[in-house]
Amino acid sequence: MKAALDWTSVSDDPNSAAAKTAVREWLAQARRLHLDCDVLGLAETLVRGKRVLDIGVVSHSARYFDQAGWRHGRIARAASYCLGLDILAPLVEELRGRGFNVRCVDATSDADLGERFEIVFAGDVIEHVDNAVALLRFSGRHLAPGGRLYVTTPNPFSRKFFRQFRREGVMVTNLDHVAWISPTMALELGRRAGVRLEAYHLAKPYDGVNRALHQFLWKFAPAEYAFAEFVYEFSRTADILDATGR
């Protein structure tokens, strides 16, 4: 795989045809398809046996805590050690009362938790926050050397949203969302935050003939159309190390 791309190394013009071509070519080889699991299954695989910081654990409401698909519950069980963060203090306290290792911390702040993690996972958070760069910078600050940050977010180009738009004439999604984050935007947000986009992942289970059919169709149409979420994989860069050099 090619080294992570900084488009400004090609041109100082963000509308440069050469820079756009370089980004398009880099993204094509940075895409990873996972056809044997969904995004949550991929997350469990990524965190299994690792030290994990999970950002945005509440998932909006306590009604999710007892559901089999509650993301933090599954991530916490798969990890060897997991610290969860959220800004909703009453629900953080409820989770603590249930035995979860959680803290009420703003993950767009300059706070340092005093711990470093092999995996930082921010599931469906970046589209909610006022400052996406600050979220990535906070996350990168807490990566151990060689660690990885995974950020999931809805894919605005997917069939799911296109069908809704065609059916309803206007896109009304989660009313707490403030942004869509496309692959080119993830590349730029990472550049500004001091983390480096290494790859982006698309995950959805396909079996047998269905898998073969879709793999054939993706020769003629973008695979992204079939996947409702992006999973962005970042590494940290030297300029986000803290004062101790960690």
Protein backbone atom coordinates (compact mmCIF):
# COMPACT_ATOMS: atom_id res chain seq x y z
CA MET A 1 0.00 0.00 0.00
CA LYS A 2 1.21 3.49 -0.82
CA ALA A 3 2.22 5.80 2.02
CA ALA A 4 -0.57 8.00 3.36
CA LEU A 5 -1.14 10.94 1.06
CA ASP A 6 -0.85 14.65 1.84
CA TRP A 7 -2.44 16.39 -1.13
CA THR A 8 -0.47 19.58 -0.39
CA SER A 9 2.67 17.70 -1.46
CA VAL A 10 1.17 17.67 -4.98
CA SER A 11 -0.20 21.21 -5.15
CA ASP A 12 -1.12 24.16 -2.96
CA ASP A 13 -4.40 24.41 -4.86
CA PRO A 14 -7.20 22.22 -3.42
CA ASN A 15 -8.90 22.31 -6.82
CA SER A 16 -5.79 21.13 -8.66
CA ALA A 17 -6.60 18.36 -11.13
CA ALA A 18 -3.27 16.67 -10.34
CA ALA A 19 -3.94 16.73 -6.58
CA LYS A 20 -7.45 15.35 -7.05
CA THR A 21 -6.13 12.58 -9.28
CA ALA A 22 -3.50 11.67 -6.68
CA VAL A 23 -6.15 11.54 -3.94
CA ARG A 24 -8.50 9.45 -6.09
CA GLU A 25 -5.73 6.96 -6.89
CA TRP A 26 -4.63 6.75 -3.26
CA LEU A 27 -8.16 6.19 -1.97
CA ALA A 28 -8.75 3.41 -4.50
CA GLN A 29 -5.89 1.38 -3.05
CA ALA A 30 -6.70 2.37 0.56
CA ARG A 31 -10.17 0.79 0.47
CA ARG A 32 -10.63 -2.52 2.30
CA LEU A 33 -13.72 -4.69 1.79
CA HIS A 34 -14.91 -7.06 4.54
CA LEU A 35 -17.61 -9.34 3.19
CA ASP A 36 -17.85 -11.77 6.11
CA CYS A 37 -18.99 -9.40 8.87
CA ASP A 38 -20.85 -6.19 9.63
CA VAL A 39 -19.22 -3.09 11.14
CA LEU A 40 -19.78 -4.25 14.71
CA GLY A 41 -18.30 -7.64 13.92
CA LEU A 42 -15.30 -5.90 12.39
CA ALA A 43 -14.96 -3.76 15.53
CA GLU A 44 -14.96 -6.85 17.76
CA THR A 45 -12.21 -8.39 15.64
CA LEU A 46 -10.12 -5.20 15.78
CA VAL A 47 -10.32 -4.80 19.57
CA ARG A 48 -10.09 -8.45 20.62
CA GLY A 49 -7.41 -8.89 23.28
CA LYS A 50 -6.31 -5.22 23.05
CA ARG A 51 -6.22 -2.19 25.33
CA VAL A 52 -9.10 -0.10 24.04
CA LEU A 53 -10.46 3.40 24.50
CA ASP A 54 -14.10 3.45 23.36
CA ILE A 55 -15.48 6.95 22.71
CA GLY A 56 -19.22 7.60 22.72
CA VAL A 57 -20.35 4.57 24.70
CA VAL A 58 -23.86 5.63 25.67
CA SER A 59 -25.32 5.44 22.13
CA HIS A 60 -27.86 8.21 22.93
CA SER A 61 -30.10 6.34 25.38
CA ALA A 62 -30.04 3.84 28.25
CA ARG A 63 -32.59 1.71 26.37
CA TYR A 64 -29.72 0.33 24.30
CA PHE A 65 -27.72 -0.98 27.27
CA ASP A 66 -29.56 -4.31 27.49
CA GLN A 67 -29.72 -4.96 23.75
CA ALA A 68 -27.54 -7.66 22.21
CA GLY A 69 -26.24 -5.21 19.61
CA TRP A 70 -25.15 -2.51 22.07
CA ARG A 71 -21.71 -1.66 20.74
CA HIS A 72 -19.85 -0.81 23.95
CA GLY A 73 -20.99 -3.99 25.66
CA ARG A 74 -19.58 -6.09 22.84
CA ILE A 75 -16.37 -4.07 22.56
CA ALA A 76 -15.77 -4.18 26.32
CA ARG A 77 -16.21 -7.96 26.36
CA ALA A 78 -13.83 -8.49 23.44
CA ALA A 79 -11.05 -6.20 24.69
CA SER A 80 -8.48 -7.21 27.30
CA TYR A 81 -8.96 -3.79 28.92
CA CYS A 82 -11.51 -1.14 27.95
CA LEU A 83 -12.15 2.41 29.10
CA GLY A 84 -15.36 4.01 27.83
CA LEU A 85 -16.03 7.73 27.49
CA ASP A 86 -19.15 9.82 27.04
CA ILE A 87 -20.37 13.32 27.93
CA LEU A 88 -23.81 12.27 29.21
CA ALA A 89 -23.02 12.21 32.93
CA PRO A 90 -26.19 10.53 34.31
CA LEU A 91 -25.90 7.66 31.84
CA VAL A 92 -22.17 7.32 32.47
CA GLU A 93 -23.00 6.95 36.15
CA GLU A 94 -25.59 4.30 35.35
CA LEU A 95 -23.01 2.36 33.34
CA ARG A 96 -20.52 2.66 36.18
CA GLY A 97 -23.17 1.25 38.52
CA ARG A 98 -23.50 -1.70 36.15
CA GLY A 99 -19.78 -2.41 36.51
CA PHE A 100 -18.43 -0.77 33.35
CA ASN A 101 -15.13 1.12 33.38
CA VAL A 102 -16.38 4.49 32.11
CA ARG A 103 -15.63 8.18 32.57
CA CYS A 104 -17.48 11.38 31.75
CA VAL A 105 -15.01 13.21 29.49
CA ASP A 106 -15.39 15.50 26.49
CA ALA A 107 -13.45 13.76 23.70
CA THR A 108 -13.01 17.04 21.83
CA SER A 109 -11.15 18.62 24.75
CA ASP A 110 -7.45 19.01 25.51
CA ALA A 111 -7.74 16.51 28.37
CA ASP A 112 -5.16 13.78 28.80
CA LEU A 113 -6.50 10.63 30.45
CA GLY A 114 -3.03 9.51 31.52
CA GLU A 115 -3.40 6.21 29.64
CA ARG A 116 -2.43 5.02 26.17
CA PHE A 117 -4.27 2.46 24.10
CA GLU A 118 -3.58 0.04 21.27
CA ILE A 119 -6.99 0.84 19.80
CA VAL A 120 -9.10 3.97 20.05
CA PHE A 121 -12.60 3.38 18.71
CA ALA A 122 -14.98 6.26 17.99
CA GLY A 123 -18.20 4.73 16.74
CA ASP A 124 -20.65 7.13 15.08
CA VAL A 125 -19.35 10.12 17.01
CA ILE A 126 -17.59 12.32 14.47
CA GLU A 127 -20.80 13.33 12.69
CA HIS A 128 -22.21 14.65 16.00
CA VAL A 129 -19.40 16.87 17.30
CA ASP A 130 -18.82 20.58 16.75
CA ASN A 131 -15.12 20.07 16.13
CA ALA A 132 -14.13 16.92 14.25
CA VAL A 133 -10.45 17.93 14.19
CA ALA A 134 -10.44 18.19 17.99
CA LEU A 135 -12.00 14.72 18.27
CA LEU A 136 -9.27 13.23 16.07
CA ARG A 137 -6.55 15.10 17.94
CA PHE A 138 -7.86 13.87 21.31
CA SER A 139 -8.05 10.33 19.97
CA GLY A 140 -4.57 10.44 18.49
CA ARG A 141 -3.17 11.79 21.75
CA HIS A 142 -4.25 8.59 23.47
CA LEU A 143 -2.80 6.11 20.99
CA ALA A 144 0.14 3.99 22.06
CA PRO A 145 3.02 3.77 19.57
CA GLY A 146 1.83 1.64 16.68
CA GLY A 147 -1.78 2.00 17.79
CA ARG A 148 -4.75 2.59 15.54
CA LEU A 149 -7.77 4.87 15.67
CA TYR A 150 -10.98 3.60 14.05
CA VAL A 151 -13.78 6.05 13.31
CA THR A 152 -17.15 4.87 12.02
CA THR A 153 -19.62 7.21 10.35
CA PRO A 154 -22.55 6.94 7.91
CA ASN A 155 -21.80 6.74 4.20
CA PRO A 156 -23.86 9.46 2.48
CA PHE A 157 -23.30 7.82 -0.92
CA SER A 158 -24.88 4.51 0.05
CA ARG A 159 -27.97 2.96 -1.49
CA LYS A 160 -29.70 3.26 1.90
CA PHE A 161 -29.62 7.04 1.88
CA PHE A 162 -30.17 7.38 -1.86
CA ARG A 163 -33.36 5.35 -1.60
CA GLN A 164 -34.57 7.45 1.32
CA PHE A 165 -33.83 10.65 -0.57
CA ARG A 166 -35.67 9.40 -3.66
CA ARG A 167 -38.63 8.21 -1.57
CA GLU A 168 -38.99 11.25 0.70
CA GLY A 169 -37.50 14.01 -1.44
CA VAL A 170 -35.32 15.27 1.41
CA MET A 171 -32.77 13.59 3.66
CA VAL A 172 -33.80 13.57 7.32
CA THR A 173 -31.41 11.39 9.32
CA ASN A 174 -30.40 11.44 12.98
CA LEU A 175 -31.35 14.96 14.06
CA ASP A 176 -28.20 15.26 16.17
CA HIS A 177 -25.90 14.94 13.12
CA VAL A 178 -24.00 18.02 11.95
CA ALA A 179 -21.81 16.56 9.17
CA TRP A 180 -21.16 13.82 6.64
CA ILE A 181 -17.54 12.63 6.48
CA SER A 182 -16.53 11.30 3.06
CA PRO A 183 -13.15 9.61 2.44
CA THR A 184 -11.61 12.82 1.05
CA MET A 185 -12.85 14.72 4.09
CA ALA A 186 -11.42 12.08 6.44
CA LEU A 187 -8.08 12.46 4.67
CA GLU A 188 -8.13 16.22 5.18
CA LEU A 189 -9.43 16.11 8.76
CA GLY A 190 -6.62 13.73 9.64
CA ARG A 191 -4.04 16.03 8.04
CA ARG A 192 -5.29 18.94 10.11
CA ALA A 193 -5.50 16.90 13.32
CA GLY A 194 -2.06 15.31 13.15
CA VAL A 195 -3.32 11.78 12.49
CA ARG A 196 -2.79 9.93 9.25
CA LEU A 197 -5.50 8.12 7.31
CA GLU A 198 -4.08 4.68 6.58
CA ALA A 199 -7.13 2.95 5.08
CA TYR A 200 -10.88 2.94 5.03
CA HIS A 201 -13.03 -0.12 5.49
CA LEU A 202 -16.42 -1.22 4.20
CA ALA A 203 -18.05 -4.13 6.03
CA LYS A 204 -21.20 -6.09 5.28
CA PRO A 205 -21.77 -9.87 5.23
CA TYR A 206 -22.38 -11.45 1.83
CA ASP A 207 -22.69 -15.20 1.30
CA GLY A 208 -22.23 -17.53 -1.64
CA VAL A 209 -23.87 -16.46 -4.88
CA ASN A 210 -24.83 -13.08 -3.41
CA ARG A 211 -21.17 -12.31 -2.70
CA ALA A 212 -20.05 -13.40 -6.15
CA LEU A 213 -22.81 -11.33 -7.79
CA HIS A 214 -21.88 -8.18 -5.89
CA GLN A 215 -18.18 -8.62 -6.55
CA PHE A 216 -19.02 -8.84 -10.26
CA LEU A 217 -21.27 -5.77 -10.13
CA TRP A 218 -18.58 -3.75 -8.36
CA LYS A 219 -16.52 -3.94 -11.51
CA PHE A 220 -19.07 -1.56 -13.07
CA ALA A 221 -20.34 0.50 -10.12
CA PRO A 222 -18.69 1.78 -6.92
CA ALA A 223 -18.70 -0.72 -4.07
CA GLU A 224 -19.42 2.17 -1.69
CA TYR A 225 -23.01 2.21 -2.96
CA ALA A 226 -23.71 -1.06 -1.11
CA PHE A 227 -22.30 -0.12 2.31
CA ALA A 228 -24.09 2.16 4.78
CA GLU A 229 -21.02 3.01 6.90
CA PHE A 230 -17.40 3.98 6.51
CA VAL A 231 -14.75 2.82 8.99
CA TYR A 232 -11.72 5.11 8.83
CA GLU A 233 -8.39 3.83 10.13
CA PHE A 234 -5.86 6.40 11.36
CA SER A 235 -2.40 6.27 12.89
CA ARG A 236 -0.81 9.03 14.93
CA THR A 237 1.92 11.33 13.71
CA ALA A 238 4.79 12.82 15.68
CA ASP A 239 3.27 16.28 16.05
CA ILE A 240 0.49 15.07 18.36
CA LEU A 241 2.81 13.46 20.90
CA ASP A 242 2.42 14.96 24.34
CA ALA A 243 5.11 16.77 26.27
CA THR A 244 6.51 13.54 27.68
CA GLY A 245 7.07 12.16 24.16
CA ARG A 246 4.44 9.43 24.54
